N, C-alpha and C. Protein backbone atom coordinates (compact mmCIF):
# COMPACT_ATOMS: atom_id res chain seq x y z
N GLU A 1 0.85 -1.18 0.00
CA GLU A 1 0.00 0.00 0.00
C GLU A 1 0.89 1.24 0.00
N LEU A 2 0.66 2.14 -0.93
CA LEU A 2 1.47 3.34 -1.07
C LEU A 2 0.75 4.54 -0.48
N THR A 3 1.56 5.50 -0.03
CA THR A 3 1.03 6.78 0.44
C THR A 3 1.60 7.87 -0.45
N THR A 4 1.08 9.05 -0.35
CA THR A 4 1.57 10.16 -1.17
C THR A 4 2.72 10.84 -0.44
N GLY A 5 3.86 10.92 -1.12
CA GLY A 5 5.04 11.56 -0.55
C GLY A 5 5.27 12.93 -1.15
N ALA A 6 6.51 13.40 -1.06
CA ALA A 6 6.88 14.70 -1.61
C ALA A 6 6.58 14.76 -3.10
N TYR A 7 6.15 15.89 -3.56
CA TYR A 7 5.83 16.13 -4.96
C TYR A 7 4.77 15.16 -5.48
N ARG A 8 3.93 14.66 -4.57
CA ARG A 8 2.83 13.75 -4.89
C ARG A 8 3.31 12.44 -5.52
N ILE A 9 4.52 12.02 -5.15
CA ILE A 9 5.07 10.75 -5.64
C ILE A 9 4.64 9.64 -4.70
N PRO A 10 4.05 8.55 -5.22
CA PRO A 10 3.65 7.44 -4.35
C PRO A 10 4.88 6.76 -3.74
N VAL A 11 4.84 6.54 -2.42
CA VAL A 11 5.94 5.90 -1.70
C VAL A 11 5.38 4.86 -0.74
N PRO A 12 6.17 3.83 -0.43
CA PRO A 12 5.71 2.86 0.57
C PRO A 12 5.73 3.51 1.94
N PRO A 13 4.88 3.04 2.85
CA PRO A 13 4.89 3.61 4.20
C PRO A 13 6.21 3.31 4.90
N VAL A 14 6.65 4.22 5.75
CA VAL A 14 7.90 4.07 6.47
C VAL A 14 7.64 3.29 7.75
N SER A 15 8.44 2.25 7.97
CA SER A 15 8.34 1.50 9.22
C SER A 15 9.68 0.82 9.48
N ASP A 16 10.02 0.65 10.74
CA ASP A 16 11.29 0.03 11.11
C ASP A 16 11.40 -1.41 10.65
N ASP A 17 10.29 -2.13 10.54
CA ASP A 17 10.36 -3.53 10.17
C ASP A 17 10.78 -3.75 8.72
N ARG A 18 10.76 -2.71 7.90
CA ARG A 18 11.16 -2.84 6.50
C ARG A 18 12.68 -2.93 6.35
N ILE A 19 13.45 -2.54 7.37
CA ILE A 19 14.89 -2.51 7.23
C ILE A 19 15.61 -3.39 8.24
N CYS A 20 14.88 -4.21 8.96
CA CYS A 20 15.51 -4.96 10.04
C CYS A 20 16.46 -6.05 9.55
N ASN A 21 16.38 -6.44 8.29
CA ASN A 21 17.24 -7.50 7.77
C ASN A 21 18.40 -6.97 6.93
N ALA A 22 18.79 -5.73 7.13
CA ALA A 22 19.89 -5.16 6.38
C ALA A 22 21.18 -5.89 6.74
N ASP A 23 21.92 -6.36 5.71
CA ASP A 23 23.16 -7.09 5.94
C ASP A 23 24.11 -6.82 4.78
N SER A 24 25.12 -7.65 4.61
CA SER A 24 26.13 -7.41 3.57
C SER A 24 25.57 -7.56 2.16
N ASP A 25 24.37 -8.09 2.02
CA ASP A 25 23.72 -8.17 0.71
C ASP A 25 22.85 -6.96 0.41
N THR A 26 22.80 -6.01 1.35
CA THR A 26 21.96 -4.82 1.21
C THR A 26 22.74 -3.69 0.55
N LEU A 27 22.13 -3.05 -0.44
CA LEU A 27 22.70 -1.90 -1.11
C LEU A 27 21.88 -0.67 -0.74
N VAL A 28 22.56 0.36 -0.24
CA VAL A 28 21.89 1.61 0.13
C VAL A 28 22.34 2.70 -0.84
N LEU A 29 21.37 3.31 -1.53
CA LEU A 29 21.65 4.44 -2.41
C LEU A 29 21.50 5.71 -1.59
N LEU A 30 22.57 6.49 -1.52
CA LEU A 30 22.60 7.68 -0.68
C LEU A 30 22.38 8.95 -1.50
N PRO A 31 21.27 9.63 -1.29
CA PRO A 31 21.10 10.93 -1.94
C PRO A 31 21.93 11.97 -1.21
N MET A 32 22.27 13.05 -1.87
CA MET A 32 23.07 14.09 -1.22
C MET A 32 22.97 15.40 -1.96
N LEU A 33 23.34 16.45 -1.24
CA LEU A 33 23.40 17.79 -1.82
C LEU A 33 24.81 18.11 -2.28
N ALA A 34 25.81 17.52 -1.60
CA ALA A 34 27.21 17.75 -1.93
C ALA A 34 28.04 16.58 -1.39
N PHE A 35 29.27 16.48 -1.87
CA PHE A 35 30.20 15.45 -1.41
C PHE A 35 31.60 16.02 -1.42
N ASP A 36 32.50 15.38 -0.66
CA ASP A 36 33.88 15.87 -0.66
C ASP A 36 34.85 14.79 -1.11
N ALA A 37 36.12 15.15 -1.18
CA ALA A 37 37.16 14.25 -1.69
C ALA A 37 37.44 13.07 -0.77
N GLU A 38 36.97 13.12 0.49
CA GLU A 38 37.20 12.02 1.43
C GLU A 38 36.06 11.01 1.44
N GLY A 39 34.94 11.32 0.79
CA GLY A 39 33.81 10.40 0.78
C GLY A 39 32.69 10.77 1.72
N TYR A 40 32.76 11.97 2.31
CA TYR A 40 31.67 12.43 3.16
C TYR A 40 30.63 13.12 2.29
N ARG A 41 29.39 13.13 2.78
CA ARG A 41 28.29 13.72 2.02
C ARG A 41 27.53 14.71 2.87
N LEU A 42 26.88 15.63 2.21
CA LEU A 42 25.99 16.57 2.86
C LEU A 42 24.59 16.21 2.43
N GLY A 43 23.77 15.81 3.40
CA GLY A 43 22.39 15.43 3.11
C GLY A 43 21.44 16.55 3.49
N ALA A 44 20.26 16.16 3.90
CA ALA A 44 19.23 17.15 4.25
C ALA A 44 19.32 17.58 5.71
N GLY A 45 20.25 17.00 6.49
CA GLY A 45 20.46 17.47 7.84
C GLY A 45 19.77 16.68 8.93
N GLY A 46 19.03 15.65 8.60
CA GLY A 46 18.33 14.88 9.61
C GLY A 46 19.15 13.76 10.24
N GLY A 47 20.23 13.35 9.60
CA GLY A 47 21.08 12.30 10.14
C GLY A 47 20.53 10.90 9.98
N TYR A 48 19.44 10.73 9.24
CA TYR A 48 18.82 9.41 9.08
C TYR A 48 19.80 8.39 8.52
N TYR A 49 20.45 8.72 7.41
CA TYR A 49 21.35 7.76 6.78
C TYR A 49 22.56 7.46 7.66
N ASP A 50 23.10 8.46 8.33
CA ASP A 50 24.25 8.23 9.22
C ASP A 50 23.88 7.28 10.36
N ARG A 51 22.70 7.46 10.94
CA ARG A 51 22.27 6.55 12.02
C ARG A 51 22.04 5.14 11.48
N PHE A 52 21.42 5.04 10.32
CA PHE A 52 21.18 3.73 9.72
C PHE A 52 22.49 3.02 9.41
N LEU A 53 23.44 3.73 8.81
CA LEU A 53 24.72 3.12 8.43
C LEU A 53 25.54 2.75 9.65
N ALA A 54 25.48 3.53 10.71
CA ALA A 54 26.19 3.17 11.94
C ALA A 54 25.61 1.90 12.55
N ALA A 55 24.31 1.72 12.43
CA ALA A 55 23.65 0.53 12.98
C ALA A 55 23.80 -0.69 12.09
N HIS A 56 24.14 -0.49 10.82
CA HIS A 56 24.27 -1.58 9.84
C HIS A 56 25.59 -1.43 9.08
N PRO A 57 26.72 -1.66 9.73
CA PRO A 57 28.02 -1.39 9.11
C PRO A 57 28.38 -2.29 7.94
N ASP A 58 27.66 -3.38 7.73
CA ASP A 58 28.00 -4.30 6.65
C ASP A 58 27.33 -3.98 5.32
N VAL A 59 26.40 -3.02 5.30
CA VAL A 59 25.71 -2.73 4.04
C VAL A 59 26.67 -2.07 3.06
N LYS A 60 26.35 -2.18 1.80
CA LYS A 60 27.12 -1.51 0.74
C LYS A 60 26.45 -0.17 0.46
N THR A 61 27.27 0.87 0.21
CA THR A 61 26.71 2.20 -0.03
C THR A 61 27.23 2.79 -1.33
N ILE A 62 26.30 3.40 -2.05
CA ILE A 62 26.64 4.15 -3.26
C ILE A 62 25.97 5.51 -3.15
N GLY A 63 26.77 6.57 -3.20
CA GLY A 63 26.26 7.93 -3.19
C GLY A 63 26.01 8.39 -4.61
N LEU A 64 24.89 9.05 -4.82
CA LEU A 64 24.51 9.56 -6.14
C LEU A 64 24.43 11.07 -6.09
N CYS A 65 25.13 11.73 -6.99
CA CYS A 65 25.14 13.18 -6.99
C CYS A 65 25.64 13.70 -8.34
N TYR A 66 25.36 14.95 -8.62
CA TYR A 66 25.93 15.59 -9.81
C TYR A 66 27.38 15.96 -9.53
N ALA A 67 28.23 15.85 -10.53
CA ALA A 67 29.66 16.11 -10.37
C ALA A 67 29.93 17.54 -9.89
N TYR A 68 29.14 18.51 -10.32
CA TYR A 68 29.40 19.90 -9.93
C TYR A 68 29.14 20.15 -8.44
N CYS A 69 28.57 19.18 -7.73
CA CYS A 69 28.30 19.34 -6.29
C CYS A 69 29.48 18.90 -5.43
N GLY A 70 30.58 18.52 -6.06
CA GLY A 70 31.76 18.12 -5.31
C GLY A 70 32.55 19.30 -4.79
N VAL A 71 33.02 19.18 -3.55
CA VAL A 71 33.86 20.19 -2.93
C VAL A 71 35.09 19.51 -2.34
N GLU A 72 36.11 20.27 -2.04
CA GLU A 72 37.34 19.69 -1.49
C GLU A 72 37.11 19.10 -0.09
N HIS A 73 36.38 19.84 0.77
CA HIS A 73 36.20 19.38 2.15
C HIS A 73 34.84 19.81 2.69
N LEU A 74 34.15 18.87 3.35
CA LEU A 74 32.91 19.17 4.07
C LEU A 74 33.17 19.01 5.56
N PRO A 75 32.60 19.86 6.40
CA PRO A 75 32.75 19.65 7.84
C PRO A 75 32.03 18.35 8.21
N HIS A 76 32.63 17.58 9.12
CA HIS A 76 32.01 16.34 9.58
C HIS A 76 32.46 16.05 11.01
N ASP A 77 31.71 15.19 11.66
CA ASP A 77 32.07 14.80 13.03
C ASP A 77 32.09 13.28 13.13
N GLU A 78 32.23 12.76 14.35
CA GLU A 78 32.38 11.31 14.53
C GLU A 78 31.12 10.53 14.18
N TYR A 79 29.98 11.19 14.05
CA TYR A 79 28.73 10.50 13.70
C TYR A 79 28.52 10.38 12.20
N ASP A 80 29.22 11.18 11.41
CA ASP A 80 29.06 11.15 9.97
C ASP A 80 29.71 9.90 9.39
N GLN A 81 29.00 9.24 8.48
CA GLN A 81 29.47 8.01 7.86
C GLN A 81 29.88 8.30 6.42
N LYS A 82 31.03 7.76 6.02
CA LYS A 82 31.47 7.91 4.63
C LYS A 82 30.70 6.95 3.72
N MET A 83 30.54 7.36 2.48
CA MET A 83 30.01 6.44 1.48
C MET A 83 31.16 5.57 0.97
N GLN A 84 30.85 4.41 0.45
CA GLN A 84 31.88 3.52 -0.09
C GLN A 84 32.20 3.87 -1.54
N THR A 85 31.17 4.23 -2.30
CA THR A 85 31.34 4.52 -3.72
C THR A 85 30.51 5.75 -4.07
N LEU A 86 31.06 6.58 -4.94
CA LEU A 86 30.36 7.75 -5.45
C LEU A 86 30.12 7.55 -6.94
N VAL A 87 28.92 7.86 -7.40
CA VAL A 87 28.60 7.82 -8.83
C VAL A 87 28.03 9.17 -9.22
N THR A 88 28.66 9.79 -10.22
CA THR A 88 28.13 11.02 -10.81
C THR A 88 27.96 10.76 -12.30
N GLU A 89 27.47 11.76 -13.01
CA GLU A 89 27.33 11.61 -14.45
C GLU A 89 28.68 11.61 -15.16
N LYS A 90 29.76 11.97 -14.43
CA LYS A 90 31.09 12.05 -15.05
C LYS A 90 32.08 11.01 -14.55
N ARG A 91 31.81 10.40 -13.38
CA ARG A 91 32.81 9.48 -12.85
C ARG A 91 32.22 8.57 -11.78
N THR A 92 32.99 7.54 -11.47
CA THR A 92 32.71 6.66 -10.34
C THR A 92 33.99 6.60 -9.53
N GLU A 93 33.85 6.72 -8.19
CA GLU A 93 35.03 6.72 -7.33
C GLU A 93 34.75 5.87 -6.10
N ASP A 94 35.74 5.07 -5.73
CA ASP A 94 35.65 4.26 -4.52
C ASP A 94 36.43 4.94 -3.41
N PHE A 95 35.87 4.89 -2.18
CA PHE A 95 36.52 5.43 -0.99
C PHE A 95 36.79 4.26 -0.06
N HIS A 96 37.99 4.15 0.42
CA HIS A 96 38.34 3.04 1.31
C HIS A 96 38.85 3.60 2.64
N GLY A 97 38.54 2.88 3.73
CA GLY A 97 39.05 3.26 5.03
C GLY A 97 38.18 4.12 5.82
């Protein structure tokens, strides 16, 4: 059953039971407003993805963004989680460590 989300796009209802089986076979696509050379991202500011990734360290992550949104450095703290891979319309980059 779908509900109406932002911009009247149908979305599934949000519930914790939909993500309880996240493991190393899970792929998380990370939306972002900007990214830096170290693999950190700037999201919407709610910390949802950072909390999810901290709780599920084995999932695979791919950040999706336009290349022009890249910056040299974004401020981050110990709660911010790096993405593993970045995909833009111009390149793909892996971040390790």
